[in-house]
Amino acid sequence: MSEKNIVICLQVRTNSKRVFQKPLLKIKNKTVLELCLERLRKIDKNIKIYVLTTSSPKDKKIIDLCLINKISTFQGSYDNVVKRYNNFLNKYKYKNCVRATCDNLFTNIKSARKLIKKHLKKKYDYSTNHYGNLPIGCGLDIFSKRTINYLNSKKLSKKEKEHINLYITNNPKKFKTDFKKIIWKNKFRLTLDTYKDYSVIKKNYNLYSKKY
């Protein structure tokens, strides 16, 4: 695999509207951010990981934590996430990026490896395993650089700038992808989106991490 062919990006910011400073919450004496990074490292040790956060002073704690964990970081736009990815990919010249978030602590390693392999082989614009048999919160997205560049050139809505796959899922015929229809076959929640989710995940972390 070419060194610049693909990169893993963990999208992070502390100012979540529903769960304040989510990446810094503790589970098993580690932060959510650290647990996400541990999981992502298992996908492929040869794929470099970056944490993509914002240039806001509020996210300095993210940068400090990444320094401790020897993880490379990139700071970009606070609200326009598409622009953040676009500037990152243009700077570092990666051809594809895997997008992960701190909402999802239980990225399914086996499924992630298959998704990456298929995305690169088929040269897709966009790939996802968020839908199907995985529980909600175990998936990833993959974007080609050309797709992110294209999205950045469009006049996107505020929501489309923040949720970078939204324009694609709303206009699938414009892109080369195996994405067809959103169907959640497994509706079990493993995403960290509320304090209730946090309480459940914190209590059952060891069980979920082994099972998924």
N, C-alpha and C. Protein backbone atom coordinates (compact mmCIF):
# COMPACT_ATOMS: atom_id res chain seq x y z
N MET A 1 0.84 -1.20 0.00
CA MET A 1 0.00 0.00 0.00
C MET A 1 0.88 1.25 0.00
N SER A 2 0.60 2.17 -0.94
CA SER A 2 1.35 3.40 -1.01
C SER A 2 1.20 4.21 0.27
N GLU A 3 2.29 4.82 0.72
CA GLU A 3 2.28 5.59 1.97
C GLU A 3 1.26 6.72 1.92
N LYS A 4 1.06 7.29 0.72
CA LYS A 4 0.14 8.43 0.59
C LYS A 4 -1.22 8.01 0.02
N ASN A 5 -1.48 6.71 -0.05
CA ASN A 5 -2.72 6.24 -0.63
C ASN A 5 -3.92 6.47 0.28
N ILE A 6 -3.72 6.28 1.59
CA ILE A 6 -4.85 6.41 2.50
C ILE A 6 -4.37 6.80 3.90
N VAL A 7 -5.22 7.52 4.61
CA VAL A 7 -4.90 7.99 5.96
C VAL A 7 -6.17 7.86 6.80
N ILE A 8 -6.01 7.64 8.10
CA ILE A 8 -7.16 7.62 9.01
C ILE A 8 -7.25 8.95 9.73
N CYS A 9 -8.43 9.56 9.68
CA CYS A 9 -8.66 10.85 10.34
C CYS A 9 -9.72 10.69 11.42
N LEU A 10 -9.34 11.00 12.65
CA LEU A 10 -10.29 10.99 13.75
C LEU A 10 -10.78 12.42 13.95
N GLN A 11 -12.04 12.64 13.64
CA GLN A 11 -12.64 13.98 13.69
C GLN A 11 -13.08 14.28 15.12
N VAL A 12 -12.52 15.35 15.71
CA VAL A 12 -12.74 15.61 17.13
C VAL A 12 -12.92 17.10 17.41
N ARG A 13 -13.84 17.41 18.30
CA ARG A 13 -13.90 18.73 18.91
C ARG A 13 -14.58 18.58 20.28
N THR A 14 -14.29 19.48 21.19
CA THR A 14 -14.77 19.33 22.56
C THR A 14 -16.17 19.91 22.76
N ASN A 15 -16.58 20.85 21.91
CA ASN A 15 -17.81 21.57 22.16
C ASN A 15 -19.03 20.87 21.55
N SER A 16 -19.26 19.62 21.96
CA SER A 16 -20.45 18.91 21.53
C SER A 16 -21.68 19.53 22.19
N LYS A 17 -22.75 19.67 21.41
CA LYS A 17 -23.97 20.29 21.95
C LYS A 17 -24.67 19.36 22.94
N ARG A 18 -24.56 18.06 22.73
CA ARG A 18 -25.29 17.11 23.57
C ARG A 18 -24.45 16.53 24.71
N VAL A 19 -23.14 16.33 24.45
CA VAL A 19 -22.26 15.77 25.49
C VAL A 19 -21.02 16.66 25.57
N PHE A 20 -20.94 17.51 26.57
CA PHE A 20 -19.87 18.49 26.68
C PHE A 20 -18.52 17.81 26.88
N GLN A 21 -17.53 18.23 26.08
CA GLN A 21 -16.16 17.71 26.12
C GLN A 21 -16.13 16.18 26.04
N LYS A 22 -16.91 15.65 25.13
CA LYS A 22 -17.04 14.21 24.93
C LYS A 22 -15.70 13.48 24.79
N PRO A 23 -14.75 13.97 23.97
CA PRO A 23 -13.49 13.24 23.80
C PRO A 23 -12.68 13.08 25.08
N LEU A 24 -12.96 13.94 26.08
CA LEU A 24 -12.17 13.93 27.31
C LEU A 24 -12.84 13.17 28.45
N LEU A 25 -14.05 12.67 28.20
CA LEU A 25 -14.72 11.85 29.22
C LEU A 25 -13.92 10.58 29.48
N LYS A 26 -13.99 10.09 30.70
CA LYS A 26 -13.18 8.92 31.08
C LYS A 26 -14.01 7.64 31.08
N ILE A 27 -13.40 6.57 30.55
CA ILE A 27 -13.92 5.20 30.63
C ILE A 27 -12.73 4.30 30.92
N LYS A 28 -12.81 3.53 31.98
CA LYS A 28 -11.70 2.64 32.35
C LYS A 28 -10.38 3.39 32.47
N ASN A 29 -10.42 4.56 33.09
CA ASN A 29 -9.24 5.39 33.36
C ASN A 29 -8.56 5.94 32.10
N LYS A 30 -9.27 5.89 30.97
CA LYS A 30 -8.75 6.47 29.74
C LYS A 30 -9.82 7.38 29.15
N THR A 31 -9.37 8.36 28.38
CA THR A 31 -10.34 9.25 27.74
C THR A 31 -10.97 8.54 26.54
N VAL A 32 -12.13 9.04 26.17
CA VAL A 32 -12.81 8.53 24.97
C VAL A 32 -11.89 8.67 23.75
N LEU A 33 -11.18 9.78 23.67
CA LEU A 33 -10.25 10.00 22.56
C LEU A 33 -9.17 8.91 22.52
N GLU A 34 -8.59 8.61 23.66
CA GLU A 34 -7.53 7.58 23.71
C GLU A 34 -8.07 6.21 23.34
N LEU A 35 -9.27 5.88 23.78
CA LEU A 35 -9.87 4.59 23.46
C LEU A 35 -10.17 4.48 21.96
N CYS A 36 -10.63 5.57 21.36
CA CYS A 36 -10.87 5.58 19.91
C CYS A 36 -9.57 5.36 19.14
N LEU A 37 -8.51 6.02 19.57
CA LEU A 37 -7.21 5.89 18.90
C LEU A 37 -6.67 4.46 19.02
N GLU A 38 -6.81 3.87 20.20
CA GLU A 38 -6.37 2.48 20.39
C GLU A 38 -7.08 1.55 19.41
N ARG A 39 -8.36 1.77 19.25
CA ARG A 39 -9.15 0.94 18.34
C ARG A 39 -8.72 1.12 16.89
N LEU A 40 -8.53 2.37 16.49
CA LEU A 40 -8.17 2.67 15.10
C LEU A 40 -6.79 2.14 14.74
N ARG A 41 -5.88 2.10 15.70
CA ARG A 41 -4.54 1.58 15.45
C ARG A 41 -4.57 0.11 15.04
N LYS A 42 -5.59 -0.61 15.46
CA LYS A 42 -5.70 -2.04 15.18
C LYS A 42 -6.08 -2.34 13.73
N ILE A 43 -6.58 -1.35 13.02
CA ILE A 43 -7.01 -1.57 11.64
C ILE A 43 -5.82 -1.94 10.76
N ASP A 44 -4.79 -1.13 10.82
CA ASP A 44 -3.58 -1.38 10.02
C ASP A 44 -2.47 -0.49 10.57
N LYS A 45 -1.43 -1.11 11.10
CA LYS A 45 -0.34 -0.35 11.71
C LYS A 45 0.41 0.51 10.70
N ASN A 46 0.22 0.22 9.40
CA ASN A 46 0.92 0.98 8.37
C ASN A 46 0.15 2.21 7.89
N ILE A 47 -1.08 2.35 8.35
CA ILE A 47 -1.87 3.53 7.97
C ILE A 47 -1.73 4.59 9.06
N LYS A 48 -1.24 5.74 8.68
CA LYS A 48 -1.02 6.81 9.65
C LYS A 48 -2.35 7.40 10.12
N ILE A 49 -2.37 7.81 11.39
CA ILE A 49 -3.57 8.40 11.99
C ILE A 49 -3.32 9.87 12.32
N TYR A 50 -4.26 10.70 11.95
CA TYR A 50 -4.26 12.11 12.35
C TYR A 50 -5.53 12.40 13.13
N VAL A 51 -5.45 13.26 14.11
CA VAL A 51 -6.63 13.81 14.75
C VAL A 51 -6.91 15.15 14.11
N LEU A 52 -8.11 15.30 13.53
CA LEU A 52 -8.51 16.55 12.90
C LEU A 52 -9.43 17.30 13.85
N THR A 53 -8.93 18.38 14.39
CA THR A 53 -9.72 19.18 15.31
C THR A 53 -9.80 20.62 14.82
N THR A 54 -10.26 21.51 15.65
CA THR A 54 -10.46 22.89 15.22
C THR A 54 -9.34 23.80 15.72
N SER A 55 -9.31 24.99 15.19
CA SER A 55 -8.31 25.97 15.61
C SER A 55 -8.77 26.78 16.82
N SER A 56 -9.92 26.40 17.37
CA SER A 56 -10.45 27.09 18.55
C SER A 56 -9.58 26.81 19.77
N PRO A 57 -9.34 27.83 20.60
CA PRO A 57 -8.59 27.62 21.86
C PRO A 57 -9.25 26.58 22.76
N LYS A 58 -10.56 26.37 22.59
CA LYS A 58 -11.29 25.39 23.39
C LYS A 58 -10.77 23.97 23.15
N ASP A 59 -10.17 23.75 21.98
CA ASP A 59 -9.70 22.41 21.63
C ASP A 59 -8.21 22.20 21.89
N LYS A 60 -7.59 23.11 22.63
CA LYS A 60 -6.18 22.95 22.96
C LYS A 60 -5.94 21.68 23.78
N LYS A 61 -6.92 21.29 24.60
CA LYS A 61 -6.79 20.07 25.39
C LYS A 61 -6.66 18.84 24.50
N ILE A 62 -7.32 18.89 23.35
CA ILE A 62 -7.22 17.80 22.37
C ILE A 62 -5.79 17.70 21.85
N ILE A 63 -5.23 18.86 21.50
CA ILE A 63 -3.86 18.90 20.98
C ILE A 63 -2.88 18.39 22.04
N ASP A 64 -3.05 18.83 23.27
CA ASP A 64 -2.15 18.40 24.35
C ASP A 64 -2.22 16.89 24.57
N LEU A 65 -3.42 16.34 24.52
CA LEU A 65 -3.59 14.90 24.72
C LEU A 65 -2.97 14.11 23.57
N CYS A 66 -3.07 14.63 22.37
CA CYS A 66 -2.47 13.97 21.22
C CYS A 66 -0.94 13.99 21.30
N LEU A 67 -0.39 15.07 21.80
CA LEU A 67 1.06 15.15 21.99
C LEU A 67 1.55 14.07 22.94
N ILE A 68 0.81 13.86 24.02
CA ILE A 68 1.15 12.82 24.99
C ILE A 68 1.11 11.44 24.34
N ASN A 69 0.12 11.23 23.46
CA ASN A 69 -0.06 9.93 22.80
C ASN A 69 0.69 9.81 21.48
N LYS A 70 1.49 10.84 21.16
CA LYS A 70 2.32 10.84 19.94
C LYS A 70 1.47 10.66 18.68
N ILE A 71 0.36 11.38 18.64
CA ILE A 71 -0.54 11.34 17.49
C ILE A 71 -0.46 12.68 16.76
N SER A 72 -0.31 12.63 15.45
CA SER A 72 -0.25 13.86 14.65
C SER A 72 -1.62 14.54 14.63
N THR A 73 -1.61 15.84 14.56
CA THR A 73 -2.85 16.61 14.57
C THR A 73 -2.91 17.60 13.42
N PHE A 74 -4.14 18.01 13.12
CA PHE A 74 -4.37 19.08 12.15
C PHE A 74 -5.52 19.92 12.67
N GLN A 75 -5.34 21.23 12.67
CA GLN A 75 -6.38 22.14 13.14
C GLN A 75 -6.94 22.93 11.96
N GLY A 76 -8.27 22.97 11.91
CA GLY A 76 -8.91 23.65 10.80
C GLY A 76 -10.21 24.32 11.20
N SER A 77 -11.06 24.52 10.22
CA SER A 77 -12.32 25.24 10.42
C SER A 77 -13.16 24.60 11.52
N TYR A 78 -13.79 25.47 12.31
CA TYR A 78 -14.62 25.00 13.43
C TYR A 78 -15.96 24.42 12.94
N ASP A 79 -16.66 25.16 12.09
CA ASP A 79 -17.99 24.76 11.64
C ASP A 79 -18.00 24.05 10.30
N ASN A 80 -17.08 24.42 9.41
CA ASN A 80 -17.05 23.84 8.07
C ASN A 80 -16.10 22.64 8.06
N VAL A 81 -16.66 21.47 8.34
CA VAL A 81 -15.83 20.26 8.45
C VAL A 81 -15.32 19.84 7.08
N VAL A 82 -16.10 20.06 6.04
CA VAL A 82 -15.65 19.76 4.67
C VAL A 82 -14.37 20.53 4.37
N LYS A 83 -14.36 21.80 4.71
CA LYS A 83 -13.17 22.64 4.48
C LYS A 83 -11.99 22.14 5.30
N ARG A 84 -12.25 21.69 6.52
CA ARG A 84 -11.18 21.16 7.38
C ARG A 84 -10.50 19.97 6.71
N TYR A 85 -11.31 19.04 6.18
CA TYR A 85 -10.76 17.87 5.49
C TYR A 85 -10.06 18.27 4.19
N ASN A 86 -10.67 19.19 3.48
CA ASN A 86 -10.10 19.63 2.20
C ASN A 86 -8.71 20.24 2.40
N ASN A 87 -8.57 21.10 3.39
CA ASN A 87 -7.28 21.74 3.66
C ASN A 87 -6.25 20.72 4.13
N PHE A 88 -6.71 19.75 4.92
CA PHE A 88 -5.80 18.70 5.40
C PHE A 88 -5.27 17.87 4.23
N LEU A 89 -6.18 17.39 3.38
CA LEU A 89 -5.77 16.53 2.27
C LEU A 89 -4.91 17.27 1.25
N ASN A 90 -5.21 18.54 1.02
CA ASN A 90 -4.40 19.32 0.09
C ASN A 90 -3.00 19.58 0.64
N LYS A 91 -2.91 19.68 1.96
CA LYS A 91 -1.60 19.92 2.58
C LYS A 91 -0.74 18.66 2.57
N TYR A 92 -1.34 17.53 2.91
CA TYR A 92 -0.54 16.30 3.09
C TYR A 92 -0.62 15.33 1.91
N LYS A 93 -1.44 15.65 0.92
CA LYS A 93 -1.46 14.94 -0.36
C LYS A 93 -1.91 13.48 -0.28
N TYR A 94 -2.70 13.15 0.71
CA TYR A 94 -3.26 11.79 0.76
C TYR A 94 -4.36 11.67 -0.29
N LYS A 95 -4.46 10.48 -0.92
CA LYS A 95 -5.44 10.27 -1.98
C LYS A 95 -6.82 9.87 -1.44
N ASN A 96 -6.83 9.28 -0.24
CA ASN A 96 -8.09 8.85 0.38
C ASN A 96 -7.99 9.03 1.88
N CYS A 97 -9.12 9.27 2.52
CA CYS A 97 -9.11 9.37 3.98
C CYS A 97 -10.26 8.59 4.59
N VAL A 98 -9.93 7.85 5.65
CA VAL A 98 -10.92 7.17 6.45
C VAL A 98 -11.38 8.15 7.52
N ARG A 99 -12.68 8.35 7.63
CA ARG A 99 -13.22 9.29 8.62
C ARG A 99 -13.83 8.51 9.79
N ALA A 100 -13.28 8.79 10.97
CA ALA A 100 -13.81 8.22 12.21
C ALA A 100 -14.16 9.38 13.14
N THR A 101 -15.03 9.13 14.12
CA THR A 101 -15.39 10.17 15.08
C THR A 101 -15.36 9.60 16.49
N CYS A 102 -15.32 10.48 17.47
CA CYS A 102 -15.33 10.06 18.87
C CYS A 102 -16.71 9.60 19.33
N ASP A 103 -17.69 9.70 18.45
CA ASP A 103 -19.00 9.13 18.76
C ASP A 103 -18.93 7.60 18.78
N ASN A 104 -17.99 7.07 18.00
CA ASN A 104 -17.95 5.63 17.75
C ASN A 104 -16.68 5.00 18.33
N LEU A 105 -16.81 4.46 19.53
CA LEU A 105 -15.66 3.84 20.21
C LEU A 105 -15.41 2.42 19.75
N PHE A 106 -16.39 1.82 19.06
CA PHE A 106 -16.30 0.40 18.76
C PHE A 106 -16.24 0.13 17.26
N THR A 107 -15.36 0.85 16.58
CA THR A 107 -15.14 0.61 15.16
C THR A 107 -14.88 -0.87 14.94
N ASN A 108 -15.66 -1.49 14.06
CA ASN A 108 -15.48 -2.92 13.79
C ASN A 108 -14.26 -3.13 12.90
N ILE A 109 -13.23 -3.71 13.48
CA ILE A 109 -11.93 -3.83 12.79
C ILE A 109 -12.02 -4.65 11.51
N LYS A 110 -12.66 -5.81 11.59
CA LYS A 110 -12.77 -6.70 10.43
C LYS A 110 -13.50 -6.00 9.28
N SER A 111 -14.61 -5.36 9.60
CA SER A 111 -15.38 -4.66 8.58
C SER A 111 -14.61 -3.47 8.01
N ALA A 112 -13.88 -2.77 8.87
CA ALA A 112 -13.09 -1.62 8.42
C ALA A 112 -12.02 -2.04 7.42
N ARG A 113 -11.35 -3.15 7.69
CA ARG A 113 -10.32 -3.64 6.77
C ARG A 113 -10.90 -4.00 5.41
N LYS A 114 -12.06 -4.64 5.43
CA LYS A 114 -12.72 -5.00 4.17
C LYS A 114 -13.14 -3.76 3.39
N LEU A 115 -13.65 -2.78 4.12
CA LEU A 115 -14.11 -1.55 3.48
C LEU A 115 -12.96 -0.82 2.81
N ILE A 116 -11.83 -0.71 3.51
CA ILE A 116 -10.65 -0.04 2.95
C ILE A 116 -10.15 -0.76 1.71
N LYS A 117 -10.06 -2.08 1.80
CA LYS A 117 -9.58 -2.88 0.66
C LYS A 117 -10.46 -2.70 -0.57
N LYS A 118 -11.77 -2.74 -0.36
CA LYS A 118 -12.70 -2.61 -1.48
C LYS A 118 -12.68 -1.19 -2.04
N HIS A 119 -12.62 -0.20 -1.16
CA HIS A 119 -12.60 1.20 -1.61
C HIS A 119 -11.39 1.46 -2.51
N LEU A 120 -10.23 0.98 -2.11
CA LEU A 120 -9.01 1.21 -2.88
C LEU A 120 -9.02 0.41 -4.18
N LYS A 121 -9.50 -0.81 -4.13
CA LYS A 121 -9.53 -1.67 -5.32
C LYS A 121 -10.48 -1.11 -6.38
N LYS A 122 -11.66 -0.68 -5.95
CA LYS A 122 -12.67 -0.18 -6.88
C LYS A 122 -12.52 1.31 -7.20
N LYS A 123 -11.63 1.97 -6.46
CA LYS A 123 -11.38 3.40 -6.63
C LYS A 123 -12.67 4.21 -6.48
N TYR A 124 -13.37 3.94 -5.39
CA TYR A 124 -14.63 4.62 -5.12
C TYR A 124 -14.40 6.08 -4.71
N ASP A 125 -15.43 6.89 -4.92
CA ASP A 125 -15.43 8.25 -4.41
C ASP A 125 -15.78 8.26 -2.92
N TYR A 126 -16.68 7.35 -2.56
CA TYR A 126 -17.16 7.30 -1.17
C TYR A 126 -17.57 5.87 -0.83
N SER A 127 -17.18 5.43 0.37
CA SER A 127 -17.56 4.11 0.86
C SER A 127 -17.99 4.24 2.31
N THR A 128 -18.92 3.41 2.73
CA THR A 128 -19.35 3.42 4.12
C THR A 128 -19.81 2.04 4.56
N ASN A 129 -19.63 1.74 5.83
CA ASN A 129 -20.20 0.52 6.41
C ASN A 129 -21.08 0.89 7.60
N HIS A 130 -21.57 2.12 7.62
CA HIS A 130 -22.44 2.57 8.71
C HIS A 130 -23.78 1.85 8.70
N TYR A 131 -24.15 1.34 7.54
CA TYR A 131 -25.47 0.73 7.41
C TYR A 131 -25.34 -0.75 7.11
N GLY A 132 -26.25 -1.54 7.60
CA GLY A 132 -26.19 -2.98 7.37
C GLY A 132 -26.32 -3.73 8.68
N ASN A 133 -25.46 -4.72 8.87
CA ASN A 133 -25.58 -5.60 10.03
C ASN A 133 -24.84 -5.12 11.27
N LEU A 134 -24.02 -4.08 11.13
CA LEU A 134 -23.29 -3.57 12.30
C LEU A 134 -24.21 -2.78 13.22
N PRO A 135 -23.97 -2.80 14.52
CA PRO A 135 -24.71 -1.92 15.43
C PRO A 135 -24.43 -0.46 15.08
N ILE A 136 -25.37 0.42 15.39
CA ILE A 136 -25.17 1.84 15.16
C ILE A 136 -23.99 2.32 16.01
N GLY A 137 -22.94 2.82 15.36
CA GLY A 137 -21.77 3.29 16.08
C GLY A 137 -20.51 2.48 15.85
N CYS A 138 -20.57 1.51 14.93
CA CYS A 138 -19.39 0.66 14.66
C CYS A 138 -18.77 0.91 13.29
N GLY A 139 -19.31 1.88 12.57
CA GLY A 139 -18.90 2.06 11.19
C GLY A 139 -17.93 3.20 10.93
N LEU A 140 -17.54 3.31 9.66
CA LEU A 140 -16.61 4.32 9.18
C LEU A 140 -17.08 4.83 7.82
N ASP A 141 -16.53 5.96 7.41
CA ASP A 141 -16.68 6.46 6.04
C ASP A 141 -15.30 6.57 5.42
N ILE A 142 -15.24 6.41 4.09
CA ILE A 142 -14.00 6.66 3.36
C ILE A 142 -14.31 7.59 2.18
N PHE A 143 -13.49 8.62 2.03
CA PHE A 143 -13.66 9.59 0.95
C PHE A 143 -12.38 9.65 0.13
N SER A 144 -12.53 9.79 -1.17
CA SER A 144 -11.36 10.09 -1.99
C SER A 144 -11.07 11.58 -1.89
N LYS A 145 -9.83 11.94 -2.15
CA LYS A 145 -9.44 13.35 -2.12
C LYS A 145 -10.24 14.15 -3.15
N ARG A 146 -10.42 13.57 -4.33
CA ARG A 146 -11.15 14.29 -5.37
C ARG A 146 -12.60 14.59 -4.95
N THR A 147 -13.17 13.68 -4.14
CA THR A 147 -14.54 13.89 -3.67
C THR A 147 -14.61 15.04 -2.67
N ILE A 148 -13.66 15.05 -1.74
CA ILE A 148 -13.61 16.14 -0.76
C ILE A 148 -13.36 17.48 -1.47
N ASN A 149 -12.47 17.48 -2.45
CA ASN A 149 -12.23 18.71 -3.22
C ASN A 149 -13.49 19.18 -3.93
N TYR A 150 -14.24 18.22 -4.47
CA TYR A 150 -15.50 18.55 -5.17
C TYR A 150 -16.52 19.13 -4.19
N LEU A 151 -16.66 18.49 -3.03
CA LEU A 151 -17.62 18.98 -2.03
C LEU A 151 -17.25 20.39 -1.58
N ASN A 152 -15.96 20.64 -1.42
CA ASN A 152 -15.51 21.96 -0.97
C ASN A 152 -15.80 23.04 -2.01
N SER A 153 -15.91 22.64 -3.27
CA SER A 153 -16.18 23.61 -4.34
C SER A 153 -17.67 23.92 -4.49
N LYS A 154 -18.52 23.10 -3.86
CA LYS A 154 -19.97 23.27 -3.97
C LYS A 154 -20.48 24.29 -2.94
N LYS A 155 -21.64 24.86 -3.23
CA LYS A 155 -22.30 25.74 -2.28
C LYS A 155 -23.17 24.86 -1.37
N LEU A 156 -22.59 24.42 -0.27
CA LEU A 156 -23.25 23.48 0.62
C LEU A 156 -24.07 24.20 1.69
N SER A 157 -25.07 23.50 2.19
CA SER A 157 -25.83 24.03 3.32
C SER A 157 -24.98 23.91 4.58
N LYS A 158 -25.40 24.58 5.63
CA LYS A 158 -24.69 24.51 6.90
C LYS A 158 -24.59 23.08 7.40
N LYS A 159 -25.66 22.33 7.24
CA LYS A 159 -25.69 20.94 7.68
C LYS A 159 -24.76 20.07 6.85
N GLU A 160 -24.70 20.34 5.53
CA GLU A 160 -23.83 19.57 4.65
C GLU A 160 -22.36 19.86 4.91
N LYS A 161 -22.05 21.06 5.35
CA LYS A 161 -20.67 21.40 5.71
C LYS A 161 -20.24 20.67 6.98
N GLU A 162 -21.19 20.46 7.89
CA GLU A 162 -20.87 19.81 9.16
C GLU A 162 -20.87 18.29 9.05
N HIS A 163 -21.83 17.74 8.30
CA HIS A 163 -21.94 16.29 8.10
C HIS A 163 -21.47 15.99 6.68
N ILE A 164 -20.22 15.62 6.54
CA ILE A 164 -19.58 15.67 5.22
C ILE A 164 -20.03 14.58 4.25
N ASN A 165 -20.76 13.58 4.72
CA ASN A 165 -21.28 12.59 3.80
C ASN A 165 -22.71 12.90 3.35
N LEU A 166 -23.32 13.94 3.91
CA LEU A 166 -24.74 14.22 3.67
C LEU A 166 -25.04 14.56 2.21
N TYR A 167 -24.21 15.40 1.59
CA TYR A 167 -24.44 15.75 0.19
C TYR A 167 -24.33 14.51 -0.69
N ILE A 168 -23.42 13.62 -0.36
CA ILE A 168 -23.23 12.39 -1.16
C ILE A 168 -24.43 11.47 -1.03
N THR A 169 -24.89 11.27 0.21
CA THR A 169 -26.02 10.37 0.41
C THR A 169 -27.31 10.93 -0.17
N ASN A 170 -27.37 12.25 -0.28
CA ASN A 170 -28.54 12.89 -0.91
C ASN A 170 -28.45 12.90 -2.44
N ASN A 171 -27.22 12.72 -2.96
CA ASN A 171 -27.00 12.75 -4.42
C ASN A 171 -26.09 11.60 -4.85
N PRO A 172 -26.48 10.35 -4.57
CA PRO A 172 -25.59 9.20 -4.81
C PRO A 172 -25.22 8.98 -6.27
N LYS A 173 -26.07 9.42 -7.20
CA LYS A 173 -25.80 9.19 -8.62
C LYS A 173 -24.64 10.05 -9.15
N LYS A 174 -24.26 11.04 -8.38
CA LYS A 174 -23.15 11.91 -8.80
C LYS A 174 -21.79 11.32 -8.47
N PHE A 175 -21.77 10.21 -7.73
CA PHE A 175 -20.51 9.67 -7.23
C PHE A 175 -20.38 8.18 -7.52
N LYS A 176 -19.14 7.74 -7.62
CA LYS A 176 -18.86 6.31 -7.76
C LYS A 176 -18.78 5.71 -6.37
N THR A 177 -19.76 4.91 -6.03
CA THR A 177 -19.84 4.36 -4.69
C THR A 177 -20.70 3.12 -4.69
N ASP A 178 -20.52 2.28 -3.67
CA ASP A 178 -21.39 1.12 -3.54
C ASP A 178 -22.56 1.44 -2.60
N PHE A 179 -22.64 2.70 -2.20
CA PHE A 179 -23.73 3.16 -1.34
C PHE A 179 -25.02 3.19 -2.17
N LYS A 180 -26.05 2.48 -1.69
CA LYS A 180 -27.30 2.43 -2.44
C LYS A 180 -28.46 2.98 -1.62
N LYS A 181 -28.72 2.35 -0.48
CA LYS A 181 -29.86 2.74 0.32
C LYS A 181 -29.54 2.58 1.79
N ILE A 182 -29.98 3.54 2.60
CA ILE A 182 -29.72 3.48 4.03
C ILE A 182 -30.68 2.49 4.68
N ILE A 183 -30.14 1.37 5.15
CA ILE A 183 -30.95 0.38 5.86
C ILE A 183 -30.18 -0.08 7.09
N TRP A 184 -30.72 0.22 8.26
CA TRP A 184 -30.13 -0.28 9.51
C TRP A 184 -30.74 -1.64 9.80
N LYS A 185 -30.00 -2.71 9.57
CA LYS A 185 -30.50 -4.05 9.88
C LYS A 185 -30.32 -4.37 11.36
N ASN A 186 -29.30 -3.76 11.96
CA ASN A 186 -29.03 -3.94 13.39
C ASN A 186 -29.20 -2.58 14.05
N LYS A 187 -30.25 -2.40 14.83
CA LYS A 187 -30.56 -1.10 15.41
C LYS A 187 -30.02 -0.93 16.84
N PHE A 188 -29.16 -1.85 17.26
CA PHE A 188 -28.55 -1.74 18.58
C PHE A 188 -27.58 -0.56 18.59
N ARG A 189 -27.69 0.32 19.59
CA ARG A 189 -26.89 1.54 19.65
C ARG A 189 -25.58 1.34 20.41
N LEU A 190 -24.47 1.65 19.73
CA LEU A 190 -23.18 1.69 20.39
C LEU A 190 -22.50 3.03 20.15
N THR A 191 -23.27 4.03 19.77
CA THR A 191 -22.72 5.36 19.55
C THR A 191 -22.84 6.19 20.81
N LEU A 192 -21.89 7.12 20.98
CA LEU A 192 -21.88 7.97 22.17
C LEU A 192 -22.41 9.34 21.76
N ASP A 193 -23.72 9.49 21.88
CA ASP A 193 -24.37 10.71 21.42
C ASP A 193 -25.10 11.45 22.54
N THR A 194 -25.32 10.76 23.65
CA THR A 194 -26.02 11.36 24.79
C THR A 194 -25.35 10.91 26.09
N TYR A 195 -25.70 11.54 27.19
CA TYR A 195 -25.17 11.11 28.48
C TYR A 195 -25.70 9.73 28.87
N LYS A 196 -26.88 9.39 28.37
CA LYS A 196 -27.40 8.04 28.60
C LYS A 196 -26.53 7.01 27.89
N ASP A 197 -26.14 7.31 26.64
CA ASP A 197 -25.22 6.43 25.91
C ASP A 197 -23.92 6.26 26.70
N TYR A 198 -23.41 7.36 27.21
CA TYR A 198 -22.15 7.33 27.96
C TYR A 198 -22.25 6.41 29.17
N SER A 199 -23.36 6.51 29.88
CA SER A 199 -23.57 5.68 31.07
C SER A 199 -23.60 4.19 30.71
N VAL A 200 -24.30 3.86 29.63
CA VAL A 200 -24.41 2.45 29.19
C VAL A 200 -23.07 1.92 28.71
N ILE A 201 -22.39 2.72 27.89
CA ILE A 201 -21.09 2.30 27.35
C ILE A 201 -20.06 2.15 28.47
N LYS A 202 -20.04 3.09 29.39
CA LYS A 202 -19.10 3.04 30.51
C LYS A 202 -19.29 1.76 31.32
N LYS A 203 -20.53 1.38 31.52
CA LYS A 203 -20.85 0.19 32.32
C LYS A 203 -20.49 -1.11 31.59
N ASN A 204 -20.63 -1.11 30.27
CA ASN A 204 -20.48 -2.34 29.49
C ASN A 204 -19.30 -2.31 28.51
N TYR A 205 -18.34 -1.41 28.74
CA TYR A 205 -17.27 -1.21 27.76
C TYR A 205 -16.52 -2.50 27.42
N ASN A 206 -16.11 -3.25 28.42
CA ASN A 206 -15.33 -4.47 28.17
C ASN A 206 -16.12 -5.48 27.33
N LEU A 207 -17.40 -5.62 27.62
CA LEU A 207 -18.25 -6.55 26.87
C LEU A 207 -18.37 -6.14 25.40
N TYR A 208 -18.65 -4.86 25.17
CA TYR A 208 -18.84 -4.38 23.80
C TYR A 208 -17.53 -4.44 23.01
N SER A 209 -16.43 -4.08 23.64
CA SER A 209 -15.14 -4.04 22.93
C SER A 209 -14.70 -5.42 22.49
N LYS A 210 -15.07 -6.45 23.24
CA LYS A 210 -14.72 -7.83 22.85
C LYS A 210 -15.68 -8.39 21.81
N LYS A 211 -16.94 -8.03 21.93
CA LYS A 211 -17.97 -8.57 21.04
C LYS A 211 -17.91 -7.96 19.65
N TYR A 212 -17.59 -6.66 19.58
CA TYR A 212 -17.64 -5.96 18.30
C TYR A 212 -16.28 -5.49 17.81
